[in-house]
Amino acid sequence: MAHIGILGAGRVGTNLARAFAAAGHHVTLGRRDDGEPGAPPAHGAGIHHADHRTTARTADIVINATPGDTSLERLTALQAELAGKILVDVSNATRDDADGLPGDLCYPGGSLAERLQAALPDTHVVKTLNTMLFMVMTSPGSLSTPPTAYLSGDDERAKKTVTALLGDLGWQPGRVEDLGGVTTARATEAMILVVPHVLRRHGFEPFAVSLAR
């Protein structure tokens, strides 16, 4: 089992922390030094708490669940701690509309994952789980239609490791779609623009943007 560090203790981060701990992984949930609003702290066997720098330094695999519009600055400051590690990026970098839902992309024509990979050349960035509401990340079987988890990243070994971690969350191999290198993340990150329109019509019901075959 891996030591997984999760940067971001909101709904996404705490949901992932509980699921990975339940699967037997050692989990450190990283919060900002100045405190971080959001979901209640995740407690339980296998879950520990630390600041972002300690979390990144002590983990084998690090998950970015920080707000995407500030992720690049936060993680660039952890370059030394993230060197040689897999960084699983599940965030979307957007600017919110007046109602608080995603409006525009922060990096049109590019992606947060690409920016992170460029800023962290010694880190293996893998983009995934950013095309669904957070509860589907850890419970893909809860949807009536099997969802898709997309993968983008330049390192094949890192993507294989992340695929295995997705299996621990209940994702079947046939529902994990490897799109190729990290540049393909710009396609999945753009899918976030569909989400606010769905939420405005149907409310906060679990769904994913998936392939149908």
Protein backbone atom coordinates (compact mmCIF):
# COMPACT_ATOMS: atom_id res chain seq x y z
CA MET A 1 0.00 0.00 0.00
CA ALA A 2 1.13 3.53 -0.75
CA HIS A 3 1.55 6.61 1.38
CA ILE A 4 -0.78 9.08 -0.33
CA GLY A 5 -0.63 12.78 0.37
CA ILE A 6 -3.66 14.90 -0.51
CA LEU A 7 -3.24 18.65 -0.88
CA GLY A 8 -6.58 20.28 -0.14
CA ALA A 9 -8.99 19.42 2.65
CA GLY A 10 -12.28 20.47 1.10
CA ARG A 11 -14.99 18.11 -0.11
CA VAL A 12 -12.82 16.58 -2.83
CA GLY A 13 -9.79 16.02 -0.62
CA THR A 14 -11.65 14.62 2.37
CA ASN A 15 -13.73 12.33 0.17
CA LEU A 16 -10.59 10.90 -1.44
CA ALA A 17 -8.84 10.62 1.93
CA ARG A 18 -11.61 8.51 3.42
CA ALA A 19 -11.80 6.24 0.37
CA PHE A 20 -8.06 5.62 0.10
CA ALA A 21 -7.77 5.02 3.84
CA ALA A 22 -10.63 2.51 3.63
CA ALA A 23 -8.71 0.75 0.84
CA GLY A 24 -5.75 0.32 3.20
CA HIS A 25 -3.51 3.18 2.14
CA HIS A 26 -1.71 5.47 4.56
CA VAL A 27 -3.14 8.94 3.93
CA THR A 28 -1.94 12.39 4.94
CA LEU A 29 -4.48 15.15 4.37
CA GLY A 30 -2.75 18.47 3.86
CA ARG A 31 -4.32 21.74 4.90
CA ARG A 32 -3.01 25.25 4.35
CA ASP A 33 -0.97 26.68 7.20
CA ASP A 34 -3.54 29.44 7.73
CA GLY A 35 -6.44 27.04 8.03
CA GLU A 36 -8.70 25.85 5.25
CA PRO A 37 -12.49 26.15 5.14
CA GLY A 38 -14.61 23.44 3.57
CA ALA A 39 -15.57 19.95 4.60
CA PRO A 40 -15.21 18.76 8.20
CA PRO A 41 -11.82 17.17 8.93
CA ALA A 42 -11.54 13.56 7.84
CA HIS A 43 -10.71 11.26 10.74
CA GLY A 44 -10.23 7.55 11.05
CA ALA A 45 -7.63 4.83 10.82
CA GLY A 46 -4.95 5.60 8.29
CA ILE A 47 -5.68 9.35 8.00
CA HIS A 48 -3.25 11.92 9.37
CA HIS A 49 -3.14 15.71 9.05
CA ALA A 50 -0.29 18.04 8.19
CA ASP A 51 0.50 21.25 6.34
CA HIS A 52 1.01 21.17 2.56
CA ARG A 53 4.80 21.10 2.65
CA THR A 54 4.98 18.22 5.12
CA THR A 55 2.30 16.33 3.19
CA ALA A 56 4.17 16.66 -0.11
CA ARG A 57 7.52 15.77 1.45
CA THR A 58 6.43 12.62 3.27
CA ALA A 59 4.07 11.06 0.70
CA ASP A 60 4.94 8.65 -2.11
CA ILE A 61 2.10 9.86 -4.33
CA VAL A 62 0.56 13.33 -4.05
CA ILE A 63 -2.95 14.34 -5.12
CA ASN A 64 -3.72 17.96 -5.98
CA ALA A 65 -7.20 18.74 -4.70
CA THR A 66 -6.56 22.45 -4.14
CA PRO A 67 -8.67 25.07 -5.95
CA GLY A 68 -7.46 25.01 -9.55
CA ASP A 69 -7.20 28.76 -9.94
CA THR A 70 -4.46 28.88 -7.28
CA SER A 71 -2.93 25.40 -7.69
CA LEU A 72 -0.05 26.45 -9.92
CA GLU A 73 1.34 28.97 -7.44
CA ARG A 74 0.86 26.68 -4.45
CA LEU A 75 2.45 23.62 -6.00
CA THR A 76 5.31 25.46 -7.67
CA ALA A 77 6.37 26.46 -4.16
CA LEU A 78 6.64 22.71 -3.36
CA GLN A 79 8.96 21.86 -6.27
CA ALA A 80 11.64 20.30 -4.08
CA GLU A 81 9.15 18.24 -2.07
CA LEU A 82 7.40 16.94 -5.23
CA ALA A 83 10.57 16.02 -7.14
CA GLY A 84 10.60 12.39 -8.29
CA LYS A 85 6.99 11.79 -7.24
CA ILE A 86 3.70 11.22 -9.03
CA LEU A 87 1.34 14.19 -8.83
CA VAL A 88 -2.28 13.26 -9.50
CA ASP A 89 -4.10 16.43 -10.53
CA VAL A 90 -7.88 16.26 -10.05
CA SER A 91 -8.52 20.02 -10.08
CA ASN A 92 -10.01 22.33 -12.70
CA ALA A 93 -8.69 25.86 -13.11
CA THR A 94 -11.67 28.13 -13.66
CA ARG A 95 -12.94 31.60 -12.90
CA ASP A 96 -16.35 31.52 -11.25
CA ASP A 97 -19.49 33.19 -12.47
CA ALA A 98 -21.61 35.38 -10.20
CA ASP A 99 -23.44 32.31 -8.86
CA GLY A 100 -20.18 30.65 -7.83
CA LEU A 101 -20.23 27.99 -10.54
CA PRO A 102 -17.39 27.62 -13.07
CA GLY A 103 -17.46 30.21 -15.84
CA ASP A 104 -14.26 30.58 -17.87
CA LEU A 105 -11.06 28.54 -18.04
CA CYS A 106 -7.97 30.07 -16.45
CA TYR A 107 -5.77 28.56 -19.16
CA PRO A 108 -7.71 28.56 -22.45
CA GLY A 109 -5.75 26.79 -25.16
CA GLY A 110 -3.84 24.93 -22.47
CA SER A 111 -4.48 23.28 -19.13
CA LEU A 112 -3.56 23.35 -15.47
CA ALA A 113 -1.92 19.93 -15.84
CA GLU A 114 0.39 21.23 -18.56
CA ARG A 115 1.32 24.27 -16.49
CA LEU A 116 2.06 22.05 -13.49
CA GLN A 117 4.22 19.70 -15.56
CA ALA A 118 6.20 22.63 -16.97
CA ALA A 119 6.68 24.15 -13.52
CA LEU A 120 7.57 20.77 -11.95
CA PRO A 121 9.86 19.08 -14.50
CA ASP A 122 11.07 16.45 -12.00
CA THR A 123 7.51 15.41 -11.12
CA HIS A 124 5.26 13.02 -13.08
CA VAL A 125 1.91 14.78 -13.50
CA VAL A 126 -1.16 12.65 -14.24
CA LYS A 127 -4.54 14.30 -14.83
CA THR A 128 -7.66 12.32 -13.90
CA LEU A 129 -11.04 12.40 -12.09
CA ASN A 130 -11.70 16.03 -13.06
CA THR A 131 -14.76 15.33 -15.25
CA MET A 132 -17.25 14.38 -12.53
CA LEU A 133 -18.74 15.56 -9.27
CA PHE A 134 -16.57 14.67 -6.29
CA MET A 135 -18.79 11.88 -4.93
CA VAL A 136 -18.46 9.93 -8.20
CA MET A 137 -14.65 9.90 -7.86
CA THR A 138 -14.88 7.35 -5.07
CA SER A 139 -18.13 5.62 -6.05
CA PRO A 140 -18.28 5.12 -9.82
CA GLY A 141 -20.76 2.29 -9.38
CA SER A 142 -23.32 4.67 -7.92
CA LEU A 143 -24.30 5.97 -11.38
CA SER A 144 -26.79 4.07 -13.53
CA THR A 145 -24.50 4.56 -16.54
CA PRO A 146 -20.86 3.52 -15.98
CA PRO A 147 -18.73 6.70 -15.93
CA THR A 148 -15.34 7.27 -17.55
CA ALA A 149 -12.12 8.27 -15.79
CA TYR A 150 -9.76 9.91 -18.28
CA LEU A 151 -5.97 9.84 -17.90
CA SER A 152 -3.47 12.34 -19.30
CA GLY A 153 0.25 12.24 -18.61
CA ASP A 154 3.66 11.87 -20.22
CA ASP A 155 4.99 9.04 -18.04
CA GLU A 156 3.56 5.60 -18.81
CA ARG A 157 4.68 4.05 -15.53
CA ALA A 158 3.04 6.85 -13.57
CA LYS A 159 -0.22 6.34 -15.45
CA LYS A 160 -0.14 2.62 -14.68
CA THR A 161 0.32 3.41 -11.00
CA VAL A 162 -2.58 5.85 -11.06
CA THR A 163 -4.77 3.32 -12.88
CA ALA A 164 -4.13 0.86 -10.05
CA LEU A 165 -5.09 3.53 -7.50
CA LEU A 166 -8.32 4.16 -9.40
CA GLY A 167 -9.03 0.45 -9.07
CA ASP A 168 -8.88 0.86 -5.30
CA LEU A 169 -11.67 3.44 -5.66
CA GLY A 170 -13.85 1.01 -7.61
CA TRP A 171 -12.93 1.95 -11.19
CA GLN A 172 -12.91 -0.98 -13.59
CA PRO A 173 -10.01 -1.01 -16.10
CA GLY A 174 -12.42 -0.77 -19.04
CA ARG A 175 -13.75 2.54 -17.74
CA VAL A 176 -10.30 4.18 -17.54
CA GLU A 177 -9.50 5.96 -20.81
CA ASP A 178 -5.84 6.83 -21.39
CA LEU A 179 -5.90 9.81 -23.75
CA GLY A 180 -2.12 10.13 -24.10
CA GLY A 181 0.33 12.83 -23.04
CA VAL A 182 -0.28 15.68 -20.64
CA THR A 183 -1.35 17.99 -23.46
CA THR A 184 -4.56 15.97 -23.76
CA ALA A 185 -5.60 17.34 -20.36
CA ARG A 186 -6.71 20.52 -22.08
CA ALA A 187 -9.60 18.51 -23.56
CA THR A 188 -10.82 17.06 -20.27
CA GLU A 189 -10.31 20.32 -18.40
CA ALA A 190 -12.50 22.06 -20.98
CA MET A 191 -15.29 19.61 -20.11
CA ILE A 192 -15.81 21.54 -16.88
CA LEU A 193 -17.65 24.16 -18.93
CA VAL A 194 -20.55 21.69 -19.31
CA VAL A 195 -20.90 21.21 -15.56
CA PRO A 196 -22.47 24.52 -14.45
CA HIS A 197 -25.24 24.26 -17.03
CA VAL A 198 -26.12 20.75 -15.83
CA LEU A 199 -26.07 21.85 -12.21
CA ARG A 200 -28.31 24.83 -12.85
CA ARG A 201 -30.93 22.59 -14.47
CA HIS A 202 -30.76 19.52 -12.26
CA GLY A 203 -29.13 20.56 -9.01
CA PHE A 204 -26.22 18.93 -7.25
CA GLU A 205 -26.92 15.36 -8.37
CA PRO A 206 -24.01 13.00 -9.05
CA PHE A 207 -22.95 12.80 -12.69
CA ALA A 208 -19.87 12.47 -14.91
CA VAL A 209 -18.94 13.54 -18.43
CA SER A 210 -18.27 10.13 -19.97
CA LEU A 211 -17.81 8.12 -23.14
CA ALA A 212 -20.69 5.96 -24.34
CA ARG A 213 -19.82 2.96 -26.47
